[in-house]
Amino acid sequence: MVPDQQDRDSATKSQTGVTEEQEPTETLKVNVNVVQLFFNVKDKKGSLIPTLAKDNFEVLEDGRPQTIKYFSSDSNLPLTLGMLIDSSASQERVLDMEKQVGGAFLNEILREKDLAFVIDFDVSVSLLQDFTSNVRSLKTALNSAKINTGGQVGSIPGMGGGPVPTSGVPRGTLLYDAVYLAAHDEMAQQVDRKAMILLTDGEDQGSQYKIRDAIEAAQKADTILYVLLCADRGFYGFGGYSGDSAMKKLTAETGGRVIEVGNKPEKLRAAFDQIARELRSQYYIGYVPTNPVRDGGFRRVDIRSKDGYKIQARSGYYAIPTK
C-alpha cells in the first residue's frame, strides 16, 4: 500500500459516530450490506441542483422500493480519480491539447486526501503513474504519453504483452481493455468516491475485452465514467468517426456522460470544468437492500426525484458475494 493510501484510509476510518444521513465509514461498508450511490441532480436545462433533502428522493431496486438509510447532499469523502488518455494515431493532433488542459484540471480538482492515477492506451495499455496525491507526478506522467502506432497486440495487454509489428492490419486502440484494466486492477481495491475520465475519440480497435466487460468492471468497482470526445475530424476523412454511440452507453450505465470536445482547447477546458462541478456537487445515498441474497447477479437501481428533476446515476450494481 502506498503512503498516500495509508493516510487516506486512516482519515476514512477516523469518521466515527455514524448516524442516518451521514456517510457510512469503511468499517460499516465491510460489515453491513450497504449499497452506496453517488449521483447528480439536474433541471431541464442541465443545471446542477445541489441542495435537495432526503425526502425529495425515492430509490427502487429491481422495481422494489428501498428505505434510504444514509443521505448527504455535501459529499466530502475523498475522491479517487483515474485519467485515461488515448495515444493512438487518431489523437496525434489533439494529444498536446489534452496534456495541457488535463494537467490544469488535475491541479484544480485534487485535494489533500484525494488520489489519482494516469493510464495511456494505444496498441497496448500502460500505467504511467500509479495512485498518488502528488499533482506534479501526475502531470509528468500525463506529459510522457506519446503517440504509438506499433501495430496489433501479441498477448494480453497489461500483462507484459507488447505490440507486434504487422502490415495491412488496422492499428490498435485498446480502449475497452484500458477501461477494464483500470477498473479491475486499480479502482476495485479503492473506497469512497471514484471516477475515471477518458480522453479519446471513442474508437476501439483490437481490444480483447468487449464494451460489456468494460461496463461490468466499472460497475463492480463502483466507478463513474466520463468520456471527453477529443478528435480532429480531418483525420477520419468523409466517413467521420462513430465512437460516440458506444461511449454514450459506457457512460450512461456508470453514471457519467459524454462531452463532445473536438479539437478545441476552450471546449476541453469547459468540459473539465463541468466534470469538476459535478464531482463536487454529488449526492450520496446508502441503503440496505430488501433482497439480501449475494448471488453475483446484477441489480438495477432507479433513483427518482419527486420533483421531476433528472438524475445522473449508475444503472445498478452487482451483488457480489462477501468474502
C-alpha atoms as a PDB file:
ATOM      1  CA  MET A   1       0.000   0.000   0.000  1.00  0.00           C
ATOM      2  CA  VAL A   2       1.402   3.386  -0.954  1.00  0.00           C
ATOM      3  CA  PRO A   3       1.780   6.039   1.797  1.00  0.00           C
ATOM      4  CA  ASP A   4      -0.909   8.210   0.208  1.00  0.00           C
ATOM      5  CA  GLN A   5      -3.409   5.357   0.514  1.00  0.00           C
ATOM      6  CA  GLN A   6      -2.419   4.660   4.131  1.00  0.00           C
ATOM      7  CA  ASP A   7      -3.035   8.296   5.030  1.00  0.00           C
ATOM      8  CA  ARG A   8      -6.397   8.283   3.345  1.00  0.00           C
ATOM      9  CA  ASP A   9      -7.534   5.018   4.907  1.00  0.00           C
ATOM     10  CA  SER A  10      -6.690   6.454   8.328  1.00  0.00           C
ATOM     11  CA  ALA A  11      -8.729   9.543   7.563  1.00  0.00           C
ATOM     12  CA  THR A  12     -11.686   7.436   6.434  1.00  0.00           C
ATOM     13  CA  LYS A  13     -11.576   5.179   9.464  1.00  0.00           C
ATOM     14  CA  SER A  14     -11.482   8.187  11.801  1.00  0.00           C
ATOM     15  CA  GLN A  15     -15.039   9.156  10.794  1.00  0.00           C
ATOM     16  CA  THR A  16     -16.968   7.901  13.842  1.00  0.00           C
ATOM     17  CA  GLY A  17     -20.426   8.277  15.263  1.00  0.00           C
ATOM     18  CA  VAL A  18     -22.237   7.392  12.052  1.00  0.00           C
ATOM     19  CA  THR A  19     -25.971   8.085  12.096  1.00  0.00           C
ATOM     20  CA  GLU A  20     -28.636   8.308   9.441  1.00  0.00           C
ATOM     21  CA  GLU A  21     -27.976  10.952   6.779  1.00  0.00           C
ATOM     22  CA  GLN A  22     -24.213  10.528   7.191  1.00  0.00           C
ATOM     23  CA  GLU A  23     -21.876   8.515   5.027  1.00  0.00           C
ATOM     24  CA  PRO A  24     -21.022   5.103   6.482  1.00  0.00           C
ATOM     25  CA  THR A  25     -17.384   4.516   7.357  1.00  0.00           C
ATOM     26  CA  GLU A  26     -15.167   1.907   5.768  1.00  0.00           C
ATOM     27  CA  THR A  27     -15.858  -0.448   8.705  1.00  0.00           C
ATOM     28  CA  LEU A  28     -19.602  -0.208   8.139  1.00  0.00           C
ATOM     29  CA  LYS A  29     -19.214  -0.947   4.434  1.00  0.00           C
ATOM     30  CA  VAL A  30     -17.332  -4.139   5.277  1.00  0.00           C
ATOM     31  CA  ASN A  31     -19.720  -5.402   7.963  1.00  0.00           C
ATOM     32  CA  VAL A  32     -23.101  -4.342   6.593  1.00  0.00           C
ATOM     33  CA  ASN A  33     -24.601  -4.928   3.170  1.00  0.00           C
ATOM     34  CA  VAL A  34     -24.946  -1.237   2.299  1.00  0.00           C
ATOM     35  CA  VAL A  35     -25.445  -0.181  -1.319  1.00  0.00           C
ATOM     36  CA  GLN A  36     -23.791   3.184  -1.850  1.00  0.00           C
ATOM     37  CA  LEU A  37     -24.658   5.527  -4.701  1.00  0.00           C
ATOM     38  CA  PHE A  38     -23.213   8.876  -5.722  1.00  0.00           C
ATOM     39  CA  PHE A  39     -25.252  10.905  -8.194  1.00  0.00           C
ATOM     40  CA  ASN A  40     -26.051  14.337  -9.602  1.00  0.00           C
ATOM     41  CA  VAL A  41     -29.389  16.097  -9.967  1.00  0.00           C
ATOM     42  CA  LYS A  42     -30.117  18.475 -12.855  1.00  0.00           C
ATOM     43  CA  ASP A  43     -33.005  20.596 -14.035  1.00  0.00           C
ATOM     44  CA  LYS A  44     -34.407  20.579 -17.572  1.00  0.00           C
ATOM     45  CA  LYS A  45     -31.674  22.960 -18.731  1.00  0.00           C
ATOM     46  CA  GLY A  46     -28.909  20.745 -17.362  1.00  0.00           C
ATOM     47  CA  SER A  47     -28.053  22.984 -14.409  1.00  0.00           C
ATOM     48  CA  LEU A  48     -26.976  21.239 -11.208  1.00  0.00           C
ATOM     49  CA  ILE A  49     -29.385  21.220  -8.237  1.00  0.00           C
ATOM     50  CA  PRO A  50     -27.201  20.546  -5.173  1.00  0.00           C
ATOM     51  CA  THR A  51     -29.391  21.329  -2.143  1.00  0.00           C
ATOM     52  CA  LEU A  52     -32.301  18.873  -2.103  1.00  0.00           C
ATOM     53  CA  ALA A  53     -33.240  16.911   1.023  1.00  0.00           C
ATOM     54  CA  LYS A  54     -33.545  13.148   1.508  1.00  0.00           C
ATOM     55  CA  ASP A  55     -37.336  13.309   1.307  1.00  0.00           C
ATOM     56  CA  ASN A  56     -37.058  14.572  -2.278  1.00  0.00           C
ATOM     57  CA  PHE A  57     -35.851  11.140  -3.441  1.00  0.00           C
ATOM     58  CA  GLU A  58     -37.016   7.572  -3.661  1.00  0.00           C
ATOM     59  CA  VAL A  59     -34.944   4.511  -4.552  1.00  0.00           C
ATOM     60  CA  LEU A  60     -36.095   1.320  -6.238  1.00  0.00           C
ATOM     61  CA  GLU A  61     -34.052  -1.864  -6.669  1.00  0.00           C
ATOM     62  CA  ASP A  62     -35.381  -4.176  -9.382  1.00  0.00           C
ATOM     63  CA  GLY A  63     -38.633  -2.242  -9.087  1.00  0.00           C
ATOM     64  CA  ARG A  64     -38.959  -2.650  -5.307  1.00  0.00           C
ATOM     65  CA  PRO A  65     -38.909   0.445  -3.031  1.00  0.00           C
ATOM     66  CA  GLN A  66     -35.913   0.722  -0.692  1.00  0.00           C
ATOM     67  CA  THR A  67     -35.513   2.635   2.566  1.00  0.00           C
ATOM     68  CA  ILE A  68     -32.837   5.328   2.375  1.00  0.00           C
ATOM     69  CA  LYS A  69     -30.716   4.833   5.474  1.00  0.00           C
ATOM     70  CA  TYR A  70     -27.855   7.232   4.744  1.00  0.00           C
ATOM     71  CA  PHE A  71     -28.018  10.509   2.874  1.00  0.00           C
ATOM     72  CA  SER A  72     -25.821  13.515   2.248  1.00  0.00           C
ATOM     73  CA  SER A  73     -26.035  16.461  -0.116  1.00  0.00           C
ATOM     74  CA  ASP A  74     -22.477  17.502   0.726  1.00  0.00           C
ATOM     75  CA  SER A  75     -20.274  14.611  -0.324  1.00  0.00           C
ATOM     76  CA  ASN A  76     -16.876  15.408   1.157  1.00  0.00           C
ATOM     77  CA  LEU A  77     -15.437  11.906   1.052  1.00  0.00           C
ATOM     78  CA  PRO A  78     -12.039  11.618  -0.667  1.00  0.00           C
ATOM     79  CA  LEU A  79     -12.049  11.290  -4.442  1.00  0.00           C
ATOM     80  CA  THR A  80     -10.170   8.617  -6.375  1.00  0.00           C
ATOM     81  CA  LEU A  81      -9.664   9.684  -9.971  1.00  0.00           C
ATOM     82  CA  GLY A  82      -8.305   7.866 -12.995  1.00  0.00           C
ATOM     83  CA  MET A  83      -7.287   9.694 -16.153  1.00  0.00           C
ATOM     84  CA  LEU A  84      -7.105   7.518 -19.279  1.00  0.00           C
ATOM     85  CA  ILE A  85      -5.590   9.154 -22.348  1.00  0.00           C
ATOM     86  CA  ASP A  86      -5.796   7.799 -25.886  1.00  0.00           C
ATOM     87  CA  SER A  87      -2.346   7.882 -27.547  1.00  0.00           C
ATOM     88  CA  SER A  88      -3.256   6.099 -30.785  1.00  0.00           C
ATOM     89  CA  ALA A  89      -2.662   7.535 -34.254  1.00  0.00           C
ATOM     90  CA  SER A  90      -6.010   9.329 -34.449  1.00  0.00           C
ATOM     91  CA  GLN A  91      -5.070  11.527 -31.474  1.00  0.00           C
ATOM     92  CA  GLU A  92      -1.847  12.942 -32.881  1.00  0.00           C
ATOM     93  CA  ARG A  93      -3.245  16.447 -33.465  1.00  0.00           C
ATOM     94  CA  VAL A  94      -5.074  16.707 -30.126  1.00  0.00           C
ATOM     95  CA  LEU A  95      -2.724  14.909 -27.698  1.00  0.00           C
ATOM     96  CA  ASP A  96      -0.772  18.030 -26.697  1.00  0.00           C
ATOM     97  CA  MET A  97      -4.017  19.875 -26.008  1.00  0.00           C
ATOM     98  CA  GLU A  98      -5.211  17.001 -23.816  1.00  0.00           C
ATOM     99  CA  LYS A  99      -1.969  17.003 -21.828  1.00  0.00           C
ATOM    100  CA  GLN A 100      -2.033  20.732 -21.155  1.00  0.00           C
ATOM    101  CA  VAL A 101      -5.697  21.080 -20.249  1.00  0.00           C
ATOM    102  CA  GLY A 102      -5.805  17.736 -18.413  1.00  0.00           C
ATOM    103  CA  GLY A 103      -2.858  18.750 -16.253  1.00  0.00           C
ATOM    104  CA  ALA A 104      -4.563  22.003 -15.304  1.00  0.00           C
ATOM    105  CA  PHE A 105      -7.696  20.061 -14.354  1.00  0.00           C
ATOM    106  CA  LEU A 106      -5.741  17.748 -12.048  1.00  0.00           C
ATOM    107  CA  ASN A 107      -4.196  20.770 -10.387  1.00  0.00           C
ATOM    108  CA  GLU A 108      -7.655  22.208  -9.763  1.00  0.00           C
ATOM    109  CA  ILE A 109      -9.681  19.145  -8.761  1.00  0.00           C
ATOM    110  CA  LEU A 110      -7.366  17.191  -6.445  1.00  0.00           C
ATOM    111  CA  ARG A 111      -7.337  17.893  -2.723  1.00  0.00           C
ATOM    112  CA  GLU A 112      -5.079  16.665   0.059  1.00  0.00           C
ATOM    113  CA  LYS A 113      -6.705  13.255   0.647  1.00  0.00           C
ATOM    114  CA  ASP A 114      -7.572  12.580  -2.987  1.00  0.00           C
ATOM    115  CA  LEU A 115      -5.691  10.083  -5.135  1.00  0.00           C
ATOM    116  CA  ALA A 116      -5.282   9.752  -8.892  1.00  0.00           C
ATOM    117  CA  PHE A 117      -3.544   7.623 -11.494  1.00  0.00           C
ATOM    118  CA  VAL A 118      -2.753   8.020 -15.206  1.00  0.00           C
ATOM    119  CA  ILE A 119      -3.013   5.383 -17.954  1.00  0.00           C
ATOM    120  CA  ASP A 120      -2.428   5.716 -21.668  1.00  0.00           C
ATOM    121  CA  PHE A 121      -3.693   3.301 -24.286  1.00  0.00           C
ATOM    122  CA  ASP A 122      -2.956   2.644 -27.921  1.00  0.00           C
ATOM    123  CA  VAL A 123      -1.680  -0.736 -29.165  1.00  0.00           C
ATOM    124  CA  SER A 124      -1.021  -1.511 -25.511  1.00  0.00           C
ATOM    125  CA  VAL A 125      -2.216  -0.299 -22.120  1.00  0.00           C
ATOM    126  CA  SER A 126       0.360   1.372 -19.858  1.00  0.00           C
ATOM    127  CA  LEU A 127       0.114   2.581 -16.278  1.00  0.00           C
ATOM    128  CA  LEU A 128       2.108   5.827 -16.431  1.00  0.00           C
ATOM    129  CA  GLN A 129       1.539   6.785 -12.790  1.00  0.00           C
ATOM    130  CA  ASP A 130       0.015   4.702 -10.017  1.00  0.00           C
ATOM    131  CA  PHE A 131      -2.054   6.174  -7.177  1.00  0.00           C
ATOM    132  CA  THR A 132      -0.651   9.386  -5.773  1.00  0.00           C
ATOM    133  CA  SER A 133      -1.833  12.748  -4.494  1.00  0.00           C
ATOM    134  CA  ASN A 134       1.245  14.438  -5.984  1.00  0.00           C
ATOM    135  CA  VAL A 135      -0.066  16.558  -8.849  1.00  0.00           C
ATOM    136  CA  ARG A 136       3.429  17.173 -10.215  1.00  0.00           C
ATOM    137  CA  SER A 137       3.990  13.416 -10.614  1.00  0.00           C
ATOM    138  CA  LEU A 138       0.605  13.019 -12.292  1.00  0.00           C
ATOM    139  CA  LYS A 139       1.264  15.845 -14.737  1.00  0.00           C
ATOM    140  CA  THR A 140       4.719  14.421 -15.537  1.00  0.00           C
ATOM    141  CA  ALA A 141       3.088  11.084 -16.311  1.00  0.00           C
ATOM    142  CA  LEU A 142       0.432  12.714 -18.452  1.00  0.00           C
ATOM    143  CA  ASN A 143       3.071  14.608 -20.408  1.00  0.00           C
ATOM    144  CA  SER A 144       5.013  11.399 -21.037  1.00  0.00           C
ATOM    145  CA  ALA A 145       2.234   9.933 -23.201  1.00  0.00           C
ATOM    146  CA  LYS A 146       3.354   9.573 -26.816  1.00  0.00           C
ATOM    147  CA  ILE A 147       1.596   8.522 -29.988  1.00  0.00           C
ATOM    148  CA  ASN A 148       2.178   4.813 -30.586  1.00  0.00           C
ATOM    149  CA  THR A 149       1.202   3.203 -33.889  1.00  0.00           C
ATOM    150  CA  GLY A 150       3.137  -0.044 -33.488  1.00  0.00           C
ATOM    151  CA  GLY A 151       0.530  -2.471 -34.827  1.00  0.00           C
ATOM    152  CA  GLN A 152      -1.629  -5.092 -33.187  1.00  0.00           C
ATOM    153  CA  VAL A 153      -1.198  -6.767 -29.831  1.00  0.00           C
ATOM    154  CA  GLY A 154       0.627 -10.054 -29.392  1.00  0.00           C
ATOM    155  CA  SER A 155      -0.594 -11.019 -25.914  1.00  0.00           C
ATOM    156  CA  ILE A 156      -2.707  -9.858 -23.027  1.00  0.00           C
ATOM    157  CA  PRO A 157      -2.481  -6.072 -22.503  1.00  0.00           C
ATOM    158  CA  GLY A 158      -1.245  -5.005 -19.122  1.00  0.00           C
ATOM    159  CA  MET A 159       0.411  -8.390 -18.574  1.00  0.00           C
ATOM    160  CA  GLY A 160       3.719  -7.789 -20.322  1.00  0.00           C
ATOM    161  CA  GLY A 161       2.352  -8.170 -23.842  1.00  0.00           C
ATOM    162  CA  GLY A 162       3.690  -5.612 -26.269  1.00  0.00           C
ATOM    163  CA  PRO A 163       2.840  -4.663 -29.845  1.00  0.00           C
ATOM    164  CA  VAL A 164       3.819  -6.938 -32.686  1.00  0.00           C
ATOM    165  CA  PRO A 165       4.752  -5.104 -35.911  1.00  0.00           C
ATOM    166  CA  THR A 166       2.332  -6.002 -38.682  1.00  0.00           C
ATOM    167  CA  SER A 167       1.377  -4.723 -42.103  1.00  0.00           C
ATOM    168  CA  GLY A 168      -2.070  -4.302 -43.613  1.00  0.00           C
ATOM    169  CA  VAL A 169      -3.759  -4.625 -40.208  1.00  0.00           C
ATOM    170  CA  PRO A 170      -5.793  -1.830 -38.549  1.00  0.00           C
ATOM    171  CA  ARG A 171      -3.802  -0.020 -35.892  1.00  0.00           C
ATOM    172  CA  GLY A 172      -4.896  -0.842 -32.386  1.00  0.00           C
ATOM    173  CA  THR A 173      -6.701   1.325 -29.857  1.00  0.00           C
ATOM    174  CA  LEU A 174      -7.295  -0.812 -26.785  1.00  0.00           C
ATOM    175  CA  LEU A 175      -9.940   1.422 -25.245  1.00  0.00           C
ATOM    176  CA  TYR A 176     -12.137  -1.280 -23.709  1.00  0.00           C
ATOM    177  CA  ASP A 177      -9.086  -3.136 -22.401  1.00  0.00           C
ATOM    178  CA  ALA A 178      -7.889   0.097 -20.771  1.00  0.00           C
ATOM    179  CA  VAL A 179     -11.232   0.698 -19.034  1.00  0.00           C
ATOM    180  CA  TYR A 180     -11.437  -2.910 -17.878  1.00  0.00           C
ATOM    181  CA  LEU A 181      -7.896  -2.990 -16.504  1.00  0.00           C
ATOM    182  CA  ALA A 182      -8.201   0.426 -14.845  1.00  0.00           C
ATOM    183  CA  ALA A 183     -11.449  -0.601 -13.140  1.00  0.00           C
ATOM    184  CA  HIS A 184     -10.478  -4.167 -12.245  1.00  0.00           C
ATOM    185  CA  ASP A 185      -6.809  -3.680 -11.315  1.00  0.00           C
ATOM    186  CA  GLU A 186      -6.856  -0.128  -9.936  1.00  0.00           C
ATOM    187  CA  MET A 187     -10.298   1.048  -8.839  1.00  0.00           C
ATOM    188  CA  ALA A 188     -11.719  -2.196  -7.446  1.00  0.00           C
ATOM    189  CA  GLN A 189      -9.435  -2.016  -4.392  1.00  0.00           C
ATOM    190  CA  GLN A 190     -10.372   1.576  -3.523  1.00  0.00           C
ATOM    191  CA  VAL A 191     -13.179   3.005  -1.388  1.00  0.00           C
ATOM    192  CA  ASP A 192     -15.298   6.161  -1.324  1.00  0.00           C
ATOM    193  CA  ARG A 193     -15.953   8.252  -4.448  1.00  0.00           C
ATOM    194  CA  LYS A 194     -14.428   7.007  -7.694  1.00  0.00           C
ATOM    195  CA  ALA A 195     -14.428   8.374 -11.236  1.00  0.00           C
ATOM    196  CA  MET A 196     -12.473   7.852 -14.434  1.00  0.00           C
ATOM    197  CA  ILE A 197     -12.110  10.330 -17.279  1.00  0.00           C
ATOM    198  CA  LEU A 198     -11.338   9.081 -20.794  1.00  0.00           C
ATOM    199  CA  LEU A 199      -9.772  11.433 -23.318  1.00  0.00           C
ATOM    200  CA  THR A 200     -10.467   9.663 -26.614  1.00  0.00           C
ATOM    201  CA  ASP A 201     -12.372   9.671 -29.892  1.00  0.00           C
ATOM    202  CA  GLY A 202     -14.242   6.597 -28.658  1.00  0.00           C
ATOM    203  CA  GLU A 203     -12.945   4.256 -31.363  1.00  0.00           C
ATOM    204  CA  ASP A 204     -11.825   0.822 -30.176  1.00  0.00           C
ATOM    205  CA  GLN A 205      -9.690  -1.474 -32.312  1.00  0.00           C
ATOM    206  CA  GLY A 206      -8.284  -4.773 -31.149  1.00  0.00           C
ATOM    207  CA  SER A 207      -9.394  -4.966 -27.508  1.00  0.00           C
ATOM    208  CA  GLN A 208      -9.683  -8.453 -26.059  1.00  0.00           C
ATOM    209  CA  TYR A 209     -12.465  -7.250 -23.766  1.00  0.00           C
ATOM    210  CA  LYS A 210     -15.823  -6.077 -25.113  1.00  0.00           C
ATOM    211  CA  ILE A 211     -17.718  -2.929 -24.122  1.00  0.00           C
ATOM    212  CA  ARG A 212     -19.970  -5.043 -21.876  1.00  0.00           C
ATOM    213  CA  ASP A 213     -16.881  -6.283 -20.000  1.00  0.00           C
ATOM    214  CA  ALA A 214     -15.654  -2.712 -19.531  1.00  0.00           C
ATOM    215  CA  ILE A 215     -19.043  -1.559 -18.230  1.00  0.00           C
ATOM    216  CA  GLU A 216     -19.314  -4.520 -15.864  1.00  0.00           C
ATOM    217  CA  ALA A 217     -15.816  -3.945 -14.465  1.00  0.00           C
ATOM    218  CA  ALA A 218     -16.599  -0.270 -13.836  1.00  0.00           C
ATOM    219  CA  GLN A 219     -19.914  -1.115 -12.161  1.00  0.00           C
ATOM    220  CA  LYS A 220     -18.299  -3.741  -9.943  1.00  0.00           C
ATOM    221  CA  ALA A 221     -15.667  -1.153  -8.963  1.00  0.00           C
ATOM    222  CA  ASP A 222     -18.387   1.475  -8.248  1.00  0.00           C
ATOM    223  CA  THR A 223     -16.686   3.843 -10.690  1.00  0.00           C
ATOM    224  CA  ILE A 224     -18.296   6.646 -12.688  1.00  0.00           C
ATOM    225  CA  LEU A 225     -17.023   7.013 -16.267  1.00  0.00           C
ATOM    226  CA  TYR A 226     -16.801  10.285 -18.154  1.00  0.00           C
ATOM    227  CA  VAL A 227     -15.730  10.472 -21.795  1.00  0.00           C
ATOM    228  CA  LEU A 228     -14.380  13.634 -23.376  1.00  0.00           C
ATOM    229  CA  LEU A 229     -14.607  13.066 -27.122  1.00  0.00           C
ATOM    230  CA  CYS A 230     -11.427  14.618 -28.459  1.00  0.00           C
ATOM    231  CA  ALA A 231     -10.922  14.286 -32.196  1.00  0.00           C
ATOM    232  CA  ASP A 232      -9.589  16.097 -35.223  1.00  0.00           C
ATOM    233  CA  ARG A 233     -12.343  15.286 -37.688  1.00  0.00           C
ATOM    234  CA  GLY A 234      -9.961  15.864 -40.595  1.00  0.00           C
ATOM    235  CA  PHE A 235      -8.150  12.666 -39.627  1.00  0.00           C
ATOM    236  CA  TYR A 236     -11.165  10.491 -40.477  1.00  0.00           C
ATOM    237  CA  GLY A 237     -11.980  11.694 -43.986  1.00  0.00           C
ATOM    238  CA  PHE A 238     -15.508  11.548 -45.312  1.00  0.00           C
ATOM    239  CA  GLY A 239     -16.602   8.662 -43.092  1.00  0.00           C
ATOM    240  CA  GLY A 240     -16.172  10.556 -39.852  1.00  0.00           C
ATOM    241  CA  TYR A 241     -15.887   8.618 -36.614  1.00  0.00           C
ATOM    242  CA  SER A 242     -18.513   6.555 -34.856  1.00  0.00           C
ATOM    243  CA  GLY A 243     -17.210   6.119 -31.320  1.00  0.00           C
ATOM    244  CA  ASP A 244     -19.731   8.462 -29.729  1.00  0.00           C
ATOM    245  CA  SER A 245     -22.623   5.960 -29.601  1.00  0.00           C
ATOM    246  CA  ALA A 246     -20.568   3.319 -27.778  1.00  0.00           C
ATOM    247  CA  MET A 247     -19.224   5.935 -25.382  1.00  0.00           C
ATOM    248  CA  LYS A 248     -22.751   7.087 -24.521  1.00  0.00           C
ATOM    249  CA  LYS A 249     -23.593   3.532 -23.498  1.00  0.00           C
ATOM    250  CA  LEU A 250     -20.376   3.230 -21.481  1.00  0.00           C
ATOM    251  CA  THR A 251     -21.061   6.423 -19.524  1.00  0.00           C
ATOM    252  CA  ALA A 252     -24.842   6.111 -19.112  1.00  0.00           C
ATOM    253  CA  GLU A 253     -24.518   2.703 -17.434  1.00  0.00           C
ATOM    254  CA  THR A 254     -21.946   4.001 -14.942  1.00  0.00           C
ATOM    255  CA  GLY A 255     -23.425   7.375 -14.008  1.00  0.00           C
ATOM    256  CA  GLY A 256     -21.253   9.658 -16.122  1.00  0.00           C
ATOM    257  CA  ARG A 257     -21.734  11.213 -19.526  1.00  0.00           C
ATOM    258  CA  VAL A 258     -20.114  12.074 -22.849  1.00  0.00           C
ATOM    259  CA  ILE A 259     -18.994  15.613 -23.638  1.00  0.00           C
ATOM    260  CA  GLU A 260     -18.003  16.412 -27.225  1.00  0.00           C
ATOM    261  CA  VAL A 261     -14.828  18.473 -27.443  1.00  0.00           C
ATOM    262  CA  GLY A 262     -13.437  18.032 -30.963  1.00  0.00           C
ATOM    263  CA  ASN A 263     -10.071  19.760 -31.217  1.00  0.00           C
ATOM    264  CA  LYS A 264     -10.952  22.976 -29.386  1.00  0.00           C
ATOM    265  CA  PRO A 265      -8.967  23.725 -26.177  1.00  0.00           C
ATOM    266  CA  GLU A 266     -11.711  26.039 -24.899  1.00  0.00           C
ATOM    267  CA  LYS A 267     -14.279  23.225 -25.225  1.00  0.00           C
ATOM    268  CA  LEU A 268     -11.979  20.834 -23.394  1.00  0.00           C
ATOM    269  CA  ARG A 269     -11.467  23.336 -20.567  1.00  0.00           C
ATOM    270  CA  ALA A 270     -15.231  23.875 -20.322  1.00  0.00           C
ATOM    271  CA  ALA A 271     -15.790  20.097 -20.241  1.00  0.00           C
ATOM    272  CA  PHE A 272     -13.310  19.618 -17.403  1.00  0.00           C
ATOM    273  CA  ASP A 273     -14.970  22.491 -15.535  1.00  0.00           C
ATOM    274  CA  GLN A 274     -18.339  20.743 -15.866  1.00  0.00           C
ATOM    275  CA  ILE A 275     -16.917  17.476 -14.556  1.00  0.00           C
ATOM    276  CA  ALA A 276     -15.268  19.259 -11.631  1.00  0.00           C
ATOM    277  CA  ARG A 277     -18.591  20.847 -10.654  1.00  0.00           C
ATOM    278  CA  GLU A 278     -20.407  17.523 -10.929  1.00  0.00           C
ATOM    279  CA  LEU A 279     -17.855  15.650  -8.829  1.00  0.00           C
ATOM    280  CA  ARG A 280     -18.038  18.337  -6.135  1.00  0.00           C
ATOM    281  CA  SER A 281     -21.862  18.507  -6.201  1.00  0.00           C
ATOM    282  CA  GLN A 282     -22.690  14.845  -5.723  1.00  0.00           C
ATOM    283  CA  TYR A 283     -25.436  13.490  -3.522  1.00  0.00           C
ATOM    284  CA  TYR A 284     -24.832  10.326  -1.561  1.00  0.00           C
ATOM    285  CA  ILE A 285     -27.452   7.695  -0.765  1.00  0.00           C
ATOM    286  CA  GLY A 286     -26.957   4.446   1.113  1.00  0.00           C
ATOM    287  CA  TYR A 287     -29.477   1.691   1.732  1.00  0.00           C
ATOM    288  CA  VAL A 288     -29.622  -1.919   2.900  1.00  0.00           C
ATOM    289  CA  PRO A 289     -31.352  -3.831   0.075  1.00  0.00           C
ATOM    290  CA  THR A 290     -34.544  -5.741   0.825  1.00  0.00           C
ATOM    291  CA  ASN A 291     -33.081  -8.606  -1.215  1.00  0.00           C
ATOM    292  CA  PRO A 292     -30.149  -9.840   0.924  1.00  0.00           C
ATOM    293  CA  VAL A 293     -29.021 -12.602  -1.459  1.00  0.00           C
ATOM    294  CA  ARG A 294     -25.453 -12.113  -2.711  1.00  0.00           C
ATOM    295  CA  ASP A 295     -25.605 -14.260  -5.842  1.00  0.00           C
ATOM    296  CA  GLY A 296     -23.344 -12.146  -8.048  1.00  0.00           C
ATOM    297  CA  GLY A 297     -26.264 -11.031 -10.179  1.00  0.00           C
ATOM    298  CA  PHE A 298     -26.944  -7.518 -11.444  1.00  0.00           C
ATOM    299  CA  ARG A 299     -29.484  -5.416  -9.534  1.00  0.00           C
ATOM    300  CA  ARG A 300     -30.999  -2.493 -11.395  1.00  0.00           C
ATOM    301  CA  VAL A 301     -31.319   0.642  -9.262  1.00  0.00           C
ATOM    302  CA  ASP A 302     -33.560   3.594 -10.061  1.00  0.00           C
ATOM    303  CA  ILE A 303     -33.164   6.841  -8.106  1.00  0.00           C
ATOM    304  CA  ARG A 304     -36.129   9.132  -8.655  1.00  0.00           C
ATOM    305  CA  SER A 305     -36.660  12.787  -7.894  1.00  0.00           C
ATOM    306  CA  LYS A 306     -40.108  13.517  -6.555  1.00  0.00           C
ATOM    307  CA  ASP A 307     -39.770  16.970  -8.135  1.00  0.00           C
ATOM    308  CA  GLY A 308     -39.194  15.544 -11.611  1.00  0.00           C
ATOM    309  CA  TYR A 309     -35.532  16.508 -11.857  1.00  0.00           C
ATOM    310  CA  LYS A 310     -33.115  14.463 -13.959  1.00  0.00           C
ATOM    311  CA  ILE A 311     -30.938  12.014 -12.021  1.00  0.00           C
ATOM    312  CA  GLN A 312     -27.462  11.184 -13.321  1.00  0.00           C
ATOM    313  CA  ALA A 313     -26.526   7.895 -11.643  1.00  0.00           C
ATOM    314  CA  ARG A 314     -25.258   4.435 -12.481  1.00  0.00           C
ATOM    315  CA  SER A 315     -27.851   1.915 -13.579  1.00  0.00           C
ATOM    316  CA  GLY A 316     -27.215  -0.607 -10.827  1.00  0.00           C
ATOM    317  CA  TYR A 317     -24.700  -2.851  -9.083  1.00  0.00           C
ATOM    318  CA  TYR A 318     -23.546  -6.443  -8.869  1.00  0.00           C
ATOM    319  CA  ALA A 319     -24.476  -8.297  -5.662  1.00  0.00           C
ATOM    320  CA  ILE A 320     -21.024  -9.821  -5.281  1.00  0.00           C
ATOM    321  CA  PRO A 321     -20.743 -12.454  -2.517  1.00  0.00           C
ATOM    322  CA  THR A 322     -18.972 -11.238   0.607  1.00  0.00           C
ATOM    323  CA  LYS A 323     -15.563 -12.823   1.065  1.00  0.00           C
END
